[in-house]
Protein backbone atom coordinates (compact mmCIF):
# COMPACT_ATOMS: atom_id res chain seq x y z
CA PHE A 1 180.31 -68.27 154.74
CA ASN A 2 180.66 -70.17 151.56
CA LYS A 3 180.52 -67.17 149.17
CA ILE A 4 182.11 -64.24 150.98
CA CYS A 5 183.55 -65.07 154.24
CA ILE A 6 185.65 -68.10 152.92
CA GLN A 7 187.82 -65.78 150.72
CA CYS A 8 189.85 -64.54 153.74
CA HIS A 9 188.56 -67.05 156.73
CA ALA A 10 188.96 -70.38 155.01
CA ALA A 11 191.39 -73.14 157.00
CA ASP A 12 193.85 -72.83 154.21
CA SER A 13 193.55 -68.97 153.72
CA THR A 14 196.74 -67.07 153.22
CA VAL A 15 195.16 -63.54 154.03
CA PRO A 16 197.05 -62.29 157.01
CA ASN A 17 195.19 -61.50 160.36
CA SER A 18 192.03 -63.05 159.44
CA PRO A 19 191.01 -66.00 161.94
CA LYS A 20 190.67 -68.90 159.84
CA ILE A 21 187.84 -71.28 160.36
CA THR A 22 188.98 -74.33 162.37
CA HIS A 23 192.06 -72.69 163.94
CA ASN A 24 190.78 -72.14 167.49
CA ASN A 25 193.95 -70.61 168.52
CA GLU A 26 193.27 -67.64 166.19
CA TRP A 27 189.57 -67.60 167.29
CA ALA A 28 190.13 -67.86 170.99
CA PRO A 29 190.58 -64.05 171.68
CA ARG A 30 188.07 -63.07 169.30
CA ILE A 31 185.33 -65.22 170.97
CA ALA A 32 186.31 -64.29 174.41
CA LYS A 33 185.32 -60.60 173.36
CA GLY A 34 181.91 -61.87 172.86
CA PHE A 35 179.53 -62.29 170.04
CA ASP A 36 178.05 -58.75 169.82
CA LEU A 37 181.65 -57.18 169.19
CA LEU A 38 182.28 -59.75 166.53
CA ILE A 39 178.84 -58.72 164.74
CA GLN A 40 179.81 -55.08 165.06
CA HIS A 41 183.36 -55.39 163.59
CA ALA A 42 182.17 -57.59 160.59
CA ILE A 43 179.19 -55.14 159.67
CA ASN A 44 181.12 -52.00 160.34
CA GLY A 45 184.93 -53.34 159.29
CA PHE A 46 187.88 -54.04 161.59
CA ASN A 47 191.43 -53.39 160.75
CA ALA A 48 192.12 -54.55 157.13
CA MET A 49 188.25 -56.21 156.95
CA PRO A 50 186.17 -54.07 154.98
CA ALA A 51 182.34 -53.52 156.21
CA ARG A 52 180.26 -56.79 155.72
CA GLY A 53 183.10 -58.42 154.21
CA GLY A 54 183.10 -56.36 151.13
CA SER A 55 179.73 -57.38 150.33
CA PRO A 56 177.20 -54.47 151.16
CA ASP A 57 174.02 -56.53 150.31
CA LEU A 58 174.60 -58.81 153.23
CA THR A 59 172.06 -58.51 155.94
CA ASP A 60 173.04 -58.27 159.64
CA ASP A 61 171.40 -61.47 160.36
CA GLU A 62 173.29 -63.22 157.46
CA ILE A 63 176.39 -61.69 158.83
CA ALA A 64 175.49 -62.99 162.48
CA ARG A 65 174.86 -66.44 161.28
CA ALA A 66 178.29 -66.61 159.41
CA ILE A 67 180.21 -65.40 162.41
CA ALA A 68 178.17 -67.86 164.51
CA TYR A 69 179.23 -70.88 162.05
CA MET A 70 182.80 -69.60 161.74
CA ALA A 71 183.35 -68.97 165.66
CA ASN A 72 181.40 -72.25 166.50
CA GLN A 73 183.50 -74.28 164.14
CA SER A 74 186.64 -72.75 166.04
CA GLY A 75 185.70 -73.39 169.80
CA GLY A 76 183.02 -71.09 170.09
CA ASN A 77 179.45 -71.73 171.39
CA PHE A 78 177.36 -68.65 169.73
CA THR A 79 173.67 -68.97 168.88
CA ALA A 80 172.89 -67.81 165.41
CA PRO A 81 169.94 -65.96 164.68
CA GLU A 82 167.21 -67.76 162.88
CA PRO A 83 166.79 -67.06 158.87
CA GLN A 84 164.48 -64.72 157.98
CA ALA A 85 161.99 -66.06 155.54
CA ALA A 86 161.43 -63.65 152.66
CA SER A 87 160.04 -63.81 149.22
CA GLY A 88 162.74 -63.05 146.37
CA ALA A 89 165.56 -64.00 148.38
CA SER A 90 168.88 -62.75 147.22
CA ALA A 91 172.11 -64.80 146.46
CA SER A 92 173.55 -63.41 149.56
CA ASP A 93 170.44 -64.76 151.69
CA THR A 94 171.01 -68.09 150.22
CA ALA A 95 174.95 -68.01 150.65
CA ALA A 96 174.86 -66.78 154.40
CA SER A 97 171.71 -68.69 155.52
CA GLY A 98 171.78 -70.73 158.69
CA ALA A 99 170.84 -74.03 156.50
CA ASP A 100 174.33 -73.18 154.56
CA ALA A 101 176.30 -72.50 157.63
CA SER A 102 175.09 -75.94 159.05
CA ALA A 103 175.75 -77.68 155.74
CA PRO A 104 179.08 -76.02 153.82
CA ALA A 105 179.02 -78.89 151.32
CA ALA A 106 175.58 -77.77 150.13
CA ALA A 107 176.29 -74.25 150.35
CA SER A 108 179.27 -74.53 148.02
CA LYS A 109 177.07 -76.31 145.57
CA THR A 110 174.55 -73.45 145.94
CA ALA A 111 177.38 -70.82 145.74
CA THR A 112 179.01 -72.59 142.55
CA ALA A 113 175.55 -72.59 140.90
CA SER A 114 174.93 -69.07 141.57
CA LYS A 115 178.33 -68.04 139.70
């Protein structure tokens, strides 16, 4: 979230039509459509949102964890997939891991350090 998704979905973002984290009223109709559809839209792109949020190196699980984090901070109750342990984890692995999603401040430090 803190590396890619935040650019459009931050609570104070000015990007039109993207649901902002913690803005439950913007997320409610999307959450009602279900976790799987939200994942599909994020992976394939939807309306103005590019596929994978414009970051083709994000895995499906990273995207699912980011969606669960954003939706759950905005009134949802989705279960994110467990992070996959892999050697040579990429920057996107770190940025979108479940640990980062549950600890945004730590993720912000990680994302800042990787710039």
